[in-house]
Amino acid sequence: MYAPTRPKRRKGYELLSLLIPALSCVQVSLIGRLYASEVILILLLPLLLRQNPNPFAKPWVRKTMVMGLIWLGALVATDIVRATAFADFARGWSRVVITLVSLVATSLLLERDRRRMVMFAVGLVVGYTLTYFINPSLEAQAQPWKFGVGIPITLATALAATWFYSRGFPTGATLAMLAIALVNGYLGHRSQAGVCLMTAVFIAVQSRKSSRLSGPGWRYAILLVILAASGFGCVKLYEYAAGEGLLGETARQLYEWQSEGTLGLFVGGRSGVFAGITAIAESPWLGHGSWVTDSDITLRSSGVLRESGYETMGRSAAQDNAGMLHSHLIGSWVEAGILGAVFWGWILSLDARRLSALYQTKEVLTPLIAYFGMLLGWDILFSPFGAERRFVTPYYLVLLLSFSQVRRRTRLPQMSPIPPHFRDLAARRLLRIKESVNPSDLRAAR
């Protein structure tokens, strides 16, 4: 197993790793919604920099920060040219700045320490749970599983799967993720169901790799085929269950609305993408500025939806012009132009490459890393960026990029239950015993 250099033990860092995400339930309104977790990370950064004077020592941090600054520069230039209102560009610029600061601070706080990584995930479970009961959003009140308790319960299941995996029971980890995928699908959170199913398949395939297919190309090809087949099967299973009313009347009506067009359920379920594509086509290089609210773009995209047979979705899109930002990648492209899309394209490539590297390891945090890696890929393509994602997405990256690495070897690395120190000690003892034994005594004993 690839073992990163053990970080220095610093008193209080583990407690901070738990408290920072747990305090996400505390929110204030200041140029938009600001989380206590973000404020703590910002205030903690000077102390972290003092103890770690070279925060960009890791190549991925350095490259990601460069990409992030390019994104910020493109957004600033776009807002200047478009004469964006102060309230809008203040929220847009602060969102990028907070994300980059959170990335540096989280990287320095967690320091490739597995215990801190797990504590941060536990803190997210606590924070999401407290948010639902103390300060629930309108969406959480309307759909308590999808936007409320379902999020921490799913994450807690991923942590339980990680515990099973670390104890040498990958089958238990696979079954745990498969069970929560079924629960999410039944209760209407389709994206989480897909992410959890992909994670379960990843764990199952990784733990049963055939030694006869030694080439990495074969392993990746088999993994991609199985993931694609499982995703397709998940969609078909949902279509059948929702269409037959097995998931309830609300799910049946939603399915009928989103599948009424000629392009199928997937396009109907992400109809806001049409608005983003329309906006990108009109200005692919410069962008439209922070917090786009151009109703004309939305109205034109709703017309395209209606022409494709999505009458209900077309009317909905015409009423909700925020749908065009329902993707990290498309949203940043619409706001900042093509250089905004470059940043998220870079993150998406990192995600794919590190999941491929994780597939070759026996990392004990594999279920947790795979779950967040799959979730990150989905968010980049199909979820809006903002709110708690400003400090949660940096955590995804730090976790994914800290441990999903392998050295250049001809064979897959193997885990050993015996720590290297004790193996070396045992080897030295055996050597001493061998040197102290006289060969003539051995012949006499025979």
Foldseek 3Di string as FASTA:
>chain_A
DDDPDDDDDDPPLLVLLQQLLLQQLDWDADLHIDGPSLVCLLVCVVVLCVVVVCLCPDVVLVVLVVLLVLLLVLQVVLCVVLVPDPSQQVSVNVLSVSLNSLLSSVCSSCVLPPSSLVSNLNSNLNNLQSNLVPPNDPVCVVQVCQRGNVVSVLSVLLVVLLVCLLVVRLVVSLVSLQVSLVVCLLSPNNLSSLLSNLLSLLSVCLVDPDVVPLDLVVSVVVSVVVSVVSSVVSVVVSLVCLCVQVSHPVSVVLLCLQQQFPVGNVCSVLVLCLLLVQLCVVPQARANHGPDDPLVSQLVSLVVCVVRRNPVSSVVSSVDVVSNQQAQQSNSCRHRHPSSNVSLVVVLVLLVVLSSLLSLASDSSSSSLSSLSSVSNCRRGGGGDDSPCSNVVSSNVSVSPSPSHDDDDSHRDDDDPDDPVVVVVVVVVVVVVVVPDDPVVVVVVD
